[in-house]
PDB file of N, CA and C in Angstrom:
ATOM      1  N   MET A   1      79.019  93.778 113.551  1.00  0.00           N
ATOM      2  CA  MET A   1      80.123  94.093 112.646  1.00  0.00           C
ATOM      3  C   MET A   1      80.174  95.605 112.476  1.00  0.00           C
ATOM      4  N   ASP A   2      81.353  96.164 112.745  1.00  0.00           N
ATOM      5  CA  ASP A   2      81.543  97.599 112.555  1.00  0.00           C
ATOM      6  C   ASP A   2      82.194  97.919 111.217  1.00  0.00           C
ATOM      7  N   ASN A   3      83.071  97.043 110.755  1.00  0.00           N
ATOM      8  CA  ASN A   3      83.790  97.265 109.508  1.00  0.00           C
ATOM      9  C   ASN A   3      83.175  96.435 108.387  1.00  0.00           C
ATOM     10  N   ILE A   4      83.497  96.824 107.174  1.00  0.00           N
ATOM     11  CA  ILE A   4      83.030  96.067 106.012  1.00  0.00           C
ATOM     12  C   ILE A   4      83.929  94.833 105.878  1.00  0.00           C
ATOM     13  N   PRO A   5      83.348  93.635 105.914  1.00  0.00           N
ATOM     14  CA  PRO A   5      84.192  92.433 105.825  1.00  0.00           C
ATOM     15  C   PRO A   5      84.728  92.217 104.401  1.00  0.00           C
ATOM     16  N   PHE A   6      86.023  91.906 104.306  1.00  0.00           N
ATOM     17  CA  PHE A   6      86.646  91.646 103.005  1.00  0.00           C
ATOM     18  C   PHE A   6      86.544  90.190 102.604  1.00  0.00           C
ATOM     19  N   TYR A   7      86.832  89.310 103.544  1.00  0.00           N
ATOM     20  CA  TYR A   7      86.979  87.907 103.193  1.00  0.00           C
ATOM     21  C   TYR A   7      85.926  87.001 103.821  1.00  0.00           C
ATOM     22  N   ALA A   8      85.241  87.486 104.829  1.00  0.00           N
ATOM     23  CA  ALA A   8      84.244  86.654 105.510  1.00  0.00           C
ATOM     24  C   ALA A   8      82.925  86.679 104.736  1.00  0.00           C
ATOM     25  N   PRO A   9      82.443  85.537 104.300  1.00  0.00           N
ATOM     26  CA  PRO A   9      81.141  85.501 103.625  1.00  0.00           C
ATOM     27  C   PRO A   9      80.009  85.544 104.646  1.00  0.00           C
ATOM     28  N   ILE A  10      78.833  85.823 104.189  1.00  0.00           N
ATOM     29  CA  ILE A  10      77.557  85.808 104.924  1.00  0.00           C
ATOM     30  C   ILE A  10      77.428  86.837 106.037  1.00  0.00           C
ATOM     31  N   VAL A  11      78.358  87.788 106.150  1.00  0.00           N
ATOM     32  CA  VAL A  11      78.214  88.831 107.162  1.00  0.00           C
ATOM     33  C   VAL A  11      78.322  90.200 106.518  1.00  0.00           C
ATOM     34  N   SER A  12      77.646  91.171 107.143  1.00  0.00           N
ATOM     35  CA  SER A  12      77.649  92.551 106.666  1.00  0.00           C
ATOM     36  C   SER A  12      77.704  93.493 107.856  1.00  0.00           C
ATOM     37  N   VAL A  13      77.903  94.756 107.561  1.00  0.00           N
ATOM     38  CA  VAL A  13      77.894  95.808 108.579  1.00  0.00           C
ATOM     39  C   VAL A  13      76.581  95.755 109.353  1.00  0.00           C
ATOM     40  N   ASP A  14      76.662  95.977 110.642  1.00  0.00           N
ATOM     41  CA  ASP A  14      75.537  96.011 111.581  1.00  0.00           C
ATOM     42  C   ASP A  14      74.960  94.638 111.927  1.00  0.00           C
ATOM     43  N   ASP A  15      75.505  93.560 111.357  1.00  0.00           N
ATOM     44  CA  ASP A  15      75.098  92.228 111.804  1.00  0.00           C
ATOM     45  C   ASP A  15      75.623  92.014 113.224  1.00  0.00           C
ATOM     46  N   ILE A  16      74.883  91.302 114.017  1.00  0.00           N
ATOM     47  CA  ILE A  16      75.349  90.891 115.332  1.00  0.00           C
ATOM     48  C   ILE A  16      75.810  89.452 115.186  1.00  0.00           C
ATOM     49  N   ILE A  17      77.080  89.227 115.533  1.00  0.00           N
ATOM     50  CA  ILE A  17      77.660  87.903 115.326  1.00  0.00           C
ATOM     51  C   ILE A  17      78.107  87.294 116.644  1.00  0.00           C
ATOM     52  N   ASP A  18      78.286  85.981 116.621  1.00  0.00           N
ATOM     53  CA  ASP A  18      78.837  85.245 117.748  1.00  0.00           C
ATOM     54  C   ASP A  18      80.226  84.779 117.320  1.00  0.00           C
ATOM     55  N   ALA A  19      81.166  84.836 118.263  1.00  0.00           N
ATOM     56  CA  ALA A  19      82.527  84.393 117.978  1.00  0.00           C
ATOM     57  C   ALA A  19      83.074  83.643 119.187  1.00  0.00           C
ATOM     58  N   ASP A  20      84.017  82.765 118.914  1.00  0.00           N
ATOM     59  CA  ASP A  20      84.671  81.985 119.969  1.00  0.00           C
ATOM     60  C   ASP A  20      86.124  82.416 120.076  1.00  0.00           C
ATOM     61  N   LEU A  21      86.628  82.465 121.307  1.00  0.00           N
ATOM     62  CA  LEU A  21      88.032  82.774 121.533  1.00  0.00           C
ATOM     63  C   LEU A  21      88.838  81.487 121.390  1.00  0.00           C
ATOM     64  N   VAL A  22      89.687  81.452 120.350  1.00  0.00           N
ATOM     65  CA  VAL A  22      90.504  80.276 120.057  1.00  0.00           C
ATOM     66  C   VAL A  22      91.960  80.733 119.978  1.00  0.00           C
ATOM     67  N   VAL A  23      92.761  80.257 120.907  1.00  0.00           N
ATOM     68  CA  VAL A  23      94.185  80.585 120.973  1.00  0.00           C
ATOM     69  C   VAL A  23      94.396  82.100 120.825  1.00  0.00           C
ATOM     70  N   ASN A  24      93.737  82.859 121.687  1.00  0.00           N
ATOM     71  CA  ASN A  24      93.869  84.316 121.749  1.00  0.00           C
ATOM     72  C   ASN A  24      93.385  85.057 120.504  1.00  0.00           C
ATOM     73  N   GLU A  25      92.551  84.419 119.685  1.00  0.00           N
ATOM     74  CA  GLU A  25      91.976  85.050 118.506  1.00  0.00           C
ATOM     75  C   GLU A  25      90.487  84.790 118.484  1.00  0.00           C
ATOM     76  N   TRP A  26      89.718  85.833 118.131  1.00  0.00           N
ATOM     77  CA  TRP A  26      88.276  85.645 117.980  1.00  0.00           C
ATOM     78  C   TRP A  26      88.000  85.035 116.620  1.00  0.00           C
ATOM     79  N   VAL A  27      87.249  83.943 116.614  1.00  0.00           N
ATOM     80  CA  VAL A  27      86.911  83.229 115.387  1.00  0.00           C
ATOM     81  C   VAL A  27      85.394  83.250 115.217  1.00  0.00           C
ATOM     82  N   PHE A  28      84.955  83.723 114.057  1.00  0.00           N
ATOM     83  CA  PHE A  28      83.528  83.811 113.743  1.00  0.00           C
ATOM     84  C   PHE A  28      82.844  82.468 113.950  1.00  0.00           C
ATOM     85  N   SER A  29      81.659  82.508 114.570  1.00  0.00           N
ATOM     86  CA  SER A  29      80.883  81.296 114.783  1.00  0.00           C
ATOM     87  C   SER A  29      79.575  81.325 113.993  1.00  0.00           C
ATOM     88  N   SER A  30      78.778  82.408 114.171  1.00  0.00           N
ATOM     89  CA  SER A  30      77.495  82.485 113.467  1.00  0.00           C
ATOM     90  C   SER A  30      76.952  83.909 113.497  1.00  0.00           C
ATOM     91  N   VAL A  31      75.981  84.147 112.637  1.00  0.00           N
ATOM     92  CA  VAL A  31      75.259  85.424 112.637  1.00  0.00           C
ATOM     93  C   VAL A  31      74.070  85.265 113.577  1.00  0.00           C
ATOM     94  N   MET A  32      73.996  86.134 114.558  1.00  0.00           N
ATOM     95  CA  MET A  32      72.911  86.091 115.539  1.00  0.00           C
ATOM     96  C   MET A  32      71.704  86.912 115.062  1.00  0.00           C
ATOM     97  N   LYS A  33      71.991  88.081 114.426  1.00  0.00           N
ATOM     98  CA  LYS A  33      70.922  88.956 113.948  1.00  0.00           C
ATOM     99  C   LYS A  33      71.431  89.730 112.738  1.00  0.00           C
ATOM    100  N   LEU A  34      70.647  89.738 111.670  1.00  0.00           N
ATOM    101  CA  LEU A  34      71.009  90.472 110.455  1.00  0.00           C
ATOM    102  C   LEU A  34      70.780  91.965 110.652  1.00  0.00           C
ATOM    103  N   GLY A  35      71.678  92.772 110.085  1.00  0.00           N
ATOM    104  CA  GLY A  35      71.577  94.222 110.218  1.00  0.00           C
ATOM    105  C   GLY A  35      70.938  94.919 109.026  1.00  0.00           C
ATOM    106  N   GLY A  36      70.677  94.182 107.934  1.00  0.00           N
ATOM    107  CA  GLY A  36      70.000  94.766 106.782  1.00  0.00           C
ATOM    108  C   GLY A  36      70.908  95.307 105.695  1.00  0.00           C
ATOM    109  N   HIS A  37      72.215  95.331 105.935  1.00  0.00           N
ATOM    110  CA  HIS A  37      73.171  95.810 104.927  1.00  0.00           C
ATOM    111  C   HIS A  37      73.557  94.652 104.016  1.00  0.00           C
ATOM    112  N   SER A  38      74.042  94.991 102.828  1.00  0.00           N
ATOM    113  CA  SER A  38      74.596  93.988 101.922  1.00  0.00           C
ATOM    114  C   SER A  38      76.076  94.288 101.709  1.00  0.00           C
ATOM    115  N   THR A  39      76.840  93.258 101.361  1.00  0.00           N
ATOM    116  CA  THR A  39      78.280  93.397 101.139  1.00  0.00           C
ATOM    117  C   THR A  39      78.656  92.816  99.785  1.00  0.00           C
ATOM    118  N   ILE A  40      79.454  93.571  99.053  1.00  0.00           N
ATOM    119  CA  ILE A  40      79.987  93.130  97.765  1.00  0.00           C
ATOM    120  C   ILE A  40      81.483  93.369  97.776  1.00  0.00           C
ATOM    121  N   ARG A  41      82.239  92.458  97.188  1.00  0.00           N
ATOM    122  CA  ARG A  41      83.677  92.653  97.003  1.00  0.00           C
ATOM    123  C   ARG A  41      83.937  92.935  95.528  1.00  0.00           C
ATOM    124  N   VAL A  42      84.812  93.905  95.270  1.00  0.00           N
ATOM    125  CA  VAL A  42      85.100  94.334  93.897  1.00  0.00           C
ATOM    126  C   VAL A  42      86.595  94.212  93.648  1.00  0.00           C
ATOM    127  N   ILE A  43      86.947  93.642  92.489  1.00  0.00           N
ATOM    128  CA  ILE A  43      88.339  93.603  92.046  1.00  0.00           C
ATOM    129  C   ILE A  43      88.421  94.384  90.737  1.00  0.00           C
ATOM    130  N   SER A  44      89.303  95.355  90.714  1.00  0.00           N
ATOM    131  CA  SER A  44      89.501  96.188  89.532  1.00  0.00           C
ATOM    132  C   SER A  44      90.689  95.657  88.753  1.00  0.00           C
ATOM    133  N   TYR A  45      90.631  95.763  87.435  1.00  0.00           N
ATOM    134  CA  TYR A  45      91.738  95.311  86.605  1.00  0.00           C
ATOM    135  C   TYR A  45      92.702  96.443  86.277  1.00  0.00           C
ATOM    136  N   GLY A  46      92.569  97.560  86.988  1.00  0.00           N
ATOM    137  CA  GLY A  46      93.486  98.683  86.869  1.00  0.00           C
ATOM    138  C   GLY A  46      93.417  99.519  88.128  1.00  0.00           C
ATOM    139  N   ALA A  47      94.566  99.807  88.732  1.00  0.00           N
ATOM    140  CA  ALA A  47      94.591 100.537  90.006  1.00  0.00           C
ATOM    141  C   ALA A  47      93.964 101.921  89.885  1.00  0.00           C
ATOM    142  N   GLY A  48      94.099 102.549  88.725  1.00  0.00           N
ATOM    143  CA  GLY A  48      93.556 103.894  88.532  1.00  0.00           C
ATOM    144  C   GLY A  48      92.047 103.961  88.592  1.00  0.00           C
ATOM    145  N   LEU A  49      91.386 102.864  88.350  1.00  0.00           N
ATOM    146  CA  LEU A  49      89.924 102.829  88.330  1.00  0.00           C
ATOM    147  C   LEU A  49      89.316 102.734  89.729  1.00  0.00           C
ATOM    148  N   VAL A  50      90.061 102.255  90.685  1.00  0.00           N
ATOM    149  CA  VAL A  50      89.549 102.025  92.038  1.00  0.00           C
ATOM    150  C   VAL A  50      88.962 103.301  92.629  1.00  0.00           C
ATOM    151  N   THR A  51      89.699 104.396  92.565  1.00  0.00           N
ATOM    152  CA  THR A  51      89.230 105.667  93.131  1.00  0.00           C
ATOM    153  C   THR A  51      87.954 106.137  92.448  1.00  0.00           C
ATOM    154  N   THR A  52      87.891 106.019  91.152  1.00  0.00           N
ATOM    155  CA  THR A  52      86.709 106.448  90.393  1.00  0.00           C
ATOM    156  C   THR A  52      85.469 105.668  90.808  1.00  0.00           C
ATOM    157  N   VAL A  53      85.585 104.355  90.858  1.00  0.00           N
ATOM    158  CA  VAL A  53      84.432 103.515  91.204  1.00  0.00           C
ATOM    159  C   VAL A  53      84.007 103.753  92.651  1.00  0.00           C
ATOM    160  N   ARG A  54      84.964 103.898  93.550  1.00  0.00           N
ATOM    161  CA  ARG A  54      84.628 104.153  94.958  1.00  0.00           C
ATOM    162  C   ARG A  54      83.884 105.476  95.102  1.00  0.00           C
ATOM    163  N   LYS A  55      84.283 106.487  94.347  1.00  0.00           N
ATOM    164  CA  LYS A  55      83.581 107.786  94.389  1.00  0.00           C
ATOM    165  C   LYS A  55      82.156 107.657  93.857  1.00  0.00           C
ATOM    166  N   GLU A  56      81.983 106.911  92.782  1.00  0.00           N
ATOM    167  CA  GLU A  56      80.647 106.716  92.212  1.00  0.00           C
ATOM    168  C   GLU A  56      79.747 105.954  93.191  1.00  0.00           C
ATOM    169  N   LEU A  57      80.306 104.978  93.879  1.00  0.00           N
ATOM    170  CA  LEU A  57      79.531 104.234  94.875  1.00  0.00           C
ATOM    171  C   LEU A  57      79.166 105.122  96.059  1.00  0.00           C
ATOM    172  N   ALA A  58      80.067 106.018  96.441  1.00  0.00           N
ATOM    173  CA  ALA A  58      79.785 106.953  97.542  1.00  0.00           C
ATOM    174  C   ALA A  58      78.624 107.873  97.195  1.00  0.00           C
ATOM    175  N   VAL A  59      78.543 108.302  95.947  1.00  0.00           N
ATOM    176  CA  VAL A  59      77.430 109.147  95.501  1.00  0.00           C
ATOM    177  C   VAL A  59      76.100 108.412  95.666  1.00  0.00           C
ATOM    178  N   LEU A  60      76.117 107.091  95.482  1.00  0.00           N
ATOM    179  CA  LEU A  60      74.892 106.289  95.642  1.00  0.00           C
ATOM    180  C   LEU A  60      74.550 106.050  97.118  1.00  0.00           C
ATOM    181  N   GLY A  61      75.514 106.349  98.014  1.00  0.00           N
ATOM    182  CA  GLY A  61      75.269 106.156  99.449  1.00  0.00           C
ATOM    183  C   GLY A  61      75.994 104.975 100.060  1.00  0.00           C
ATOM    184  N   CYS A  62      76.934 104.394  99.326  1.00  0.00           N
ATOM    185  CA  CYS A  62      77.686 103.233  99.810  1.00  0.00           C
ATOM    186  C   CYS A  62      79.008 103.669 100.435  1.00  0.00           C
ATOM    187  N   ARG A  63      79.430 102.912 101.449  1.00  0.00           N
ATOM    188  CA  ARG A  63      80.781 103.053 102.000  1.00  0.00           C
ATOM    189  C   ARG A  63      81.646 101.967 101.382  1.00  0.00           C
ATOM    190  N   THR A  64      82.934 102.261 101.229  1.00  0.00           N
ATOM    191  CA  THR A  64      83.872 101.263 100.718  1.00  0.00           C
ATOM    192  C   THR A  64      85.127 101.272 101.589  1.00  0.00           C
ATOM    193  N   GLU A  65      85.833 100.159 101.578  1.00  0.00           N
ATOM    194  CA  GLU A  65      87.115 100.048 102.273  1.00  0.00           C
ATOM    195  C   GLU A  65      88.087  99.283 101.384  1.00  0.00           C
ATOM    196  N   LEU A  66      89.300  99.804 101.295  1.00  0.00           N
ATOM    197  CA  LEU A  66      90.352  99.122 100.544  1.00  0.00           C
ATOM    198  C   LEU A  66      90.893  97.961 101.356  1.00  0.00           C
ATOM    199  N   SER A  67      91.318  96.928 100.659  1.00  0.00           N
ATOM    200  CA  SER A  67      91.939  95.784 101.332  1.00  0.00           C
ATOM    201  C   SER A  67      93.455  95.924 101.272  1.00  0.00           C
ATOM    202  N   ASN A  68      94.152  94.886 101.643  1.00  0.00           N
ATOM    203  CA  ASN A  68      95.609  94.863 101.530  1.00  0.00           C
ATOM    204  C   ASN A  68      96.054  94.684 100.078  1.00  0.00           C
ATOM    205  N   VAL A  69      95.127  94.342  99.208  1.00  0.00           N
ATOM    206  CA  VAL A  69      95.394  94.241  97.769  1.00  0.00           C
ATOM    207  C   VAL A  69      94.919  95.544  97.133  1.00  0.00           C
ATOM    208  N   PRO A  70      95.795  96.312  96.471  1.00  0.00           N
ATOM    209  CA  PRO A  70      95.444  97.654  95.999  1.00  0.00           C
ATOM    210  C   PRO A  70      94.241  97.741  95.059  1.00  0.00           C
ATOM    211  N   THR A  71      93.901  96.651  94.394  1.00  0.00           N
ATOM    212  CA  THR A  71      92.779  96.704  93.452  1.00  0.00           C
ATOM    213  C   THR A  71      91.527  95.999  93.981  1.00  0.00           C
ATOM    214  N   LEU A  72      91.548  95.600  95.253  1.00  0.00           N
ATOM    215  CA  LEU A  72      90.409  94.908  95.864  1.00  0.00           C
ATOM    216  C   LEU A  72      89.796  95.793  96.945  1.00  0.00           C
ATOM    217  N   PHE A  73      88.486  95.996  96.861  1.00  0.00           N
ATOM    218  CA  PHE A  73      87.807  96.740  97.906  1.00  0.00           C
ATOM    219  C   PHE A  73      86.439  96.134  98.187  1.00  0.00           C
ATOM    220  N   ALA A  74      85.965  96.390  99.401  1.00  0.00           N
ATOM    221  CA  ALA A  74      84.667  95.887  99.830  1.00  0.00           C
ATOM    222  C   ALA A  74      83.674  97.047  99.844  1.00  0.00           C
ATOM    223  N   VAL A  75      82.427  96.725  99.565  1.00  0.00           N
ATOM    224  CA  VAL A  75      81.367  97.733  99.477  1.00  0.00           C
ATOM    225  C   VAL A  75      80.276  97.401 100.486  1.00  0.00           C
ATOM    226  N   ASP A  76      79.920  98.395 101.302  1.00  0.00           N
ATOM    227  CA  ASP A  76      78.781  98.282 102.214  1.00  0.00           C
ATOM    228  C   ASP A  76      77.612  99.003 101.573  1.00  0.00           C
ATOM    229  N   ILE A  77      76.504  98.285 101.403  1.00  0.00           N
ATOM    230  CA  ILE A  77      75.294  98.861 100.826  1.00  0.00           C
ATOM    231  C   ILE A  77      74.244  98.921 101.933  1.00  0.00           C
ATOM    232  N   PRO A  78      74.002 100.118 102.492  1.00  0.00           N
ATOM    233  CA  PRO A  78      73.010 100.252 103.565  1.00  0.00           C
ATOM    234  C   PRO A  78      71.603  99.916 103.071  1.00  0.00           C
ATOM    235  N   PRO A  79      70.704  99.591 103.994  1.00  0.00           N
ATOM    236  CA  PRO A  79      69.332  99.242 103.601  1.00  0.00           C
ATOM    237  C   PRO A  79      68.615 100.340 102.820  1.00  0.00           C
ATOM    238  N   SER A  80      69.010 101.595 103.034  1.00  0.00           N
ATOM    239  CA  SER A  80      68.349 102.725 102.377  1.00  0.00           C
ATOM    240  C   SER A  80      68.790 102.932 100.930  1.00  0.00           C
ATOM    241  N   VAL A  81      69.833 102.232 100.498  1.00  0.00           N
ATOM    242  CA  VAL A  81      70.370 102.390  99.144  1.00  0.00           C
ATOM    243  C   VAL A  81      69.714 101.377  98.209  1.00  0.00           C
ATOM    244  N   ASP A  82      69.395 101.819  97.002  1.00  0.00           N
ATOM    245  CA  ASP A  82      68.782 100.960  95.988  1.00  0.00           C
ATOM    246  C   ASP A  82      69.840  99.980  95.457  1.00  0.00           C
ATOM    247  N   TYR A  83      69.703  98.725  95.829  1.00  0.00           N
ATOM    248  CA  TYR A  83      70.670  97.696  95.450  1.00  0.00           C
ATOM    249  C   TYR A  83      70.793  97.578  93.926  1.00  0.00           C
ATOM    250  N   ALA A  84      69.695  97.705  93.226  1.00  0.00           N
ATOM    251  CA  ALA A  84      69.706  97.581  91.760  1.00  0.00           C
ATOM    252  C   ALA A  84      70.574  98.661  91.116  1.00  0.00           C
ATOM    253  N   LEU A  85      70.604  99.865  91.686  1.00  0.00           N
ATOM    254  CA  LEU A  85      71.447 100.938  91.148  1.00  0.00           C
ATOM    255  C   LEU A  85      72.926 100.610  91.317  1.00  0.00           C
ATOM    256  N   VAL A  86      73.271 100.010  92.444  1.00  0.00           N
ATOM    257  CA  VAL A  86      74.666  99.622  92.692  1.00  0.00           C
ATOM    258  C   VAL A  86      75.100  98.561  91.690  1.00  0.00           C
ATOM    259  N   ILE A  87      74.261  97.559  91.502  1.00  0.00           N
ATOM    260  CA  ILE A  87      74.584  96.484  90.548  1.00  0.00           C
ATOM    261  C   ILE A  87      74.666  97.035  89.127  1.00  0.00           C
ATOM    262  N   SER A  88      73.780  97.930  88.775  1.00  0.00           N
ATOM    263  CA  SER A  88      73.797  98.538  87.443  1.00  0.00           C
ATOM    264  C   SER A  88      75.116  99.268  87.199  1.00  0.00           C
ATOM    265  N   LEU A  89      75.571 100.021  88.195  1.00  0.00           N
ATOM    266  CA  LEU A  89      76.850 100.725  88.084  1.00  0.00           C
ATOM    267  C   LEU A  89      77.991  99.739  87.875  1.00  0.00           C
ATOM    268  N   LEU A  90      78.055  98.709  88.704  1.00  0.00           N
ATOM    269  CA  LEU A  90      79.134  97.728  88.596  1.00  0.00           C
ATOM    270  C   LEU A  90      79.080  96.957  87.286  1.00  0.00           C
ATOM    271  N   GLU A  91      77.878  96.621  86.832  1.00  0.00           N
ATOM    272  CA  GLU A  91      77.734  95.852  85.584  1.00  0.00           C
ATOM    273  C   GLU A  91      78.236  96.633  84.367  1.00  0.00           C
ATOM    274  N   ARG A  92      78.155  97.953  84.391  1.00  0.00           N
ATOM    275  CA  ARG A  92      78.713  98.754  83.283  1.00  0.00           C
ATOM    276  C   ARG A  92      80.221  98.539  83.191  1.00  0.00           C
ATOM    277  N   TYR A  93      80.882  98.495  84.338  1.00  0.00           N
ATOM    278  CA  TYR A  93      82.328  98.274  84.351  1.00  0.00           C
ATOM    279  C   TYR A  93      82.666  96.818  83.991  1.00  0.00           C
ATOM    280  N   VAL A  94      81.839  95.885  84.423  1.00  0.00           N
ATOM    281  CA  VAL A  94      82.040  94.479  84.062  1.00  0.00           C
ATOM    282  C   VAL A  94      81.950  94.320  82.546  1.00  0.00           C
ATOM    283  N   ALA A  95      80.937  94.935  81.939  1.00  0.00           N
ATOM    284  CA  ALA A  95      80.739  94.845  80.487  1.00  0.00           C
ATOM    285  C   ALA A  95      81.931  95.422  79.727  1.00  0.00           C
ATOM    286  N   ALA A  96      82.592  96.411  80.313  1.00  0.00           N
ATOM    287  CA  ALA A  96      83.762  97.026  79.685  1.00  0.00           C
ATOM    288  C   ALA A  96      85.041  96.230  79.960  1.00  0.00           C
ATOM    289  N   GLY A  97      84.935  95.183  80.797  1.00  0.00           N
ATOM    290  CA  GLY A  97      86.104  94.376  81.128  1.00  0.00           C
ATOM    291  C   GLY A  97      87.041  95.034  82.128  1.00  0.00           C
ATOM    292  N   SER A  98      86.518  96.003  82.896  1.00  0.00           N
ATOM    293  CA  SER A  98      87.346  96.788  83.808  1.00  0.00           C
ATOM    294  C   SER A  98      87.402  96.241  85.230  1.00  0.00           C
ATOM    295  N   LEU A  99      86.383  95.489  85.625  1.00  0.00           N
ATOM    296  CA  LEU A  99      86.349  94.947  86.980  1.00  0.00           C
ATOM    297  C   LEU A  99      85.409  93.768  87.046  1.00  0.00           C
ATOM    298  N   ASP A 100      85.421  93.125  88.185  1.00  0.00           N
ATOM    299  CA  ASP A 100      84.462  92.063  88.479  1.00  0.00           C
ATOM    300  C   ASP A 100      84.086  92.202  89.939  1.00  0.00           C
ATOM    301  N   TYR A 101      82.990  91.581  90.332  1.00  0.00           N
ATOM    302  CA  TYR A 101      82.537  91.680  91.719  1.00  0.00           C
ATOM    303  C   TYR A 101      81.923  90.373  92.172  1.00  0.00           C
ATOM    304  N   GLU A 102      81.859  90.248  93.498  1.00  0.00           N
ATOM    305  CA  GLU A 102      81.273  89.062  94.117  1.00  0.00           C
ATOM    306  C   GLU A 102      80.276  89.525  95.166  1.00  0.00           C
ATOM    307  N   GLU A 103      79.081  88.977  95.106  1.00  0.00           N
ATOM    308  CA  GLU A 103      78.067  89.264  96.116  1.00  0.00           C
ATOM    309  C   GLU A 103      78.347  88.360  97.319  1.00  0.00           C
ATOM    310  N   SER A 104      78.734  88.977  98.414  1.00  0.00           N
ATOM    311  CA  SER A 104      79.158  88.217  99.575  1.00  0.00           C
ATOM    312  C   SER A 104      78.031  87.960 100.566  1.00  0.00           C
ATOM    313  N   SER A 105      77.301  89.006 100.899  1.00  0.00           N
ATOM    314  CA  SER A 105      76.191  88.899 101.846  1.00  0.00           C
ATOM    315  C   SER A 105      75.101  89.847 101.379  1.00  0.00           C
ATOM    316  N   ILE A 106      74.059  89.301 100.808  1.00  0.00           N
ATOM    317  CA  ILE A 106      73.003  90.136 100.242  1.00  0.00           C
ATOM    318  C   ILE A 106      71.772  90.063 101.155  1.00  0.00           C
ATOM    319  N   GLN A 107      71.444  91.197 101.766  1.00  0.00           N
ATOM    320  CA  GLN A 107      70.297  91.267 102.666  1.00  0.00           C
ATOM    321  C   GLN A 107      69.189  92.167 102.117  1.00  0.00           C
ATOM    322  N   HIS A 108      69.420  92.779 100.954  1.00  0.00           N
ATOM    323  CA  HIS A 108      68.377  93.565 100.318  1.00  0.00           C
ATOM    324  C   HIS A 108      67.331  92.618  99.710  1.00  0.00           C
ATOM    325  N   GLN A 109      66.118  93.075  99.671  1.00  0.00           N
ATOM    326  CA  GLN A 109      65.040  92.266  99.088  1.00  0.00           C
ATOM    327  C   GLN A 109      65.051  92.349  97.579  1.00  0.00           C
TER     328      GLN A 109
END
């Protein structure tokens, strides 16, 4: 996986996956080898907050990608980043009622 997955569960950046060609489209089949990254999806309850949170995550060492929904973005957490710090940051916004998140593929220990 080169990109941060938005909708596919159980996969993260640097995972090696198997896919089948079905009617001219590649369809995910399985994860062959884990890459060590974790993936979280975040939904913000205000468009103005998206840029702020993405910048804060970048400071921690995470990459993010916007989806086709302006308030939804995916977060790549590399193995070198402290997962607990990322969750702590997001939980502050959750407590304020500003966003919510979903742990999609967690490979951190």
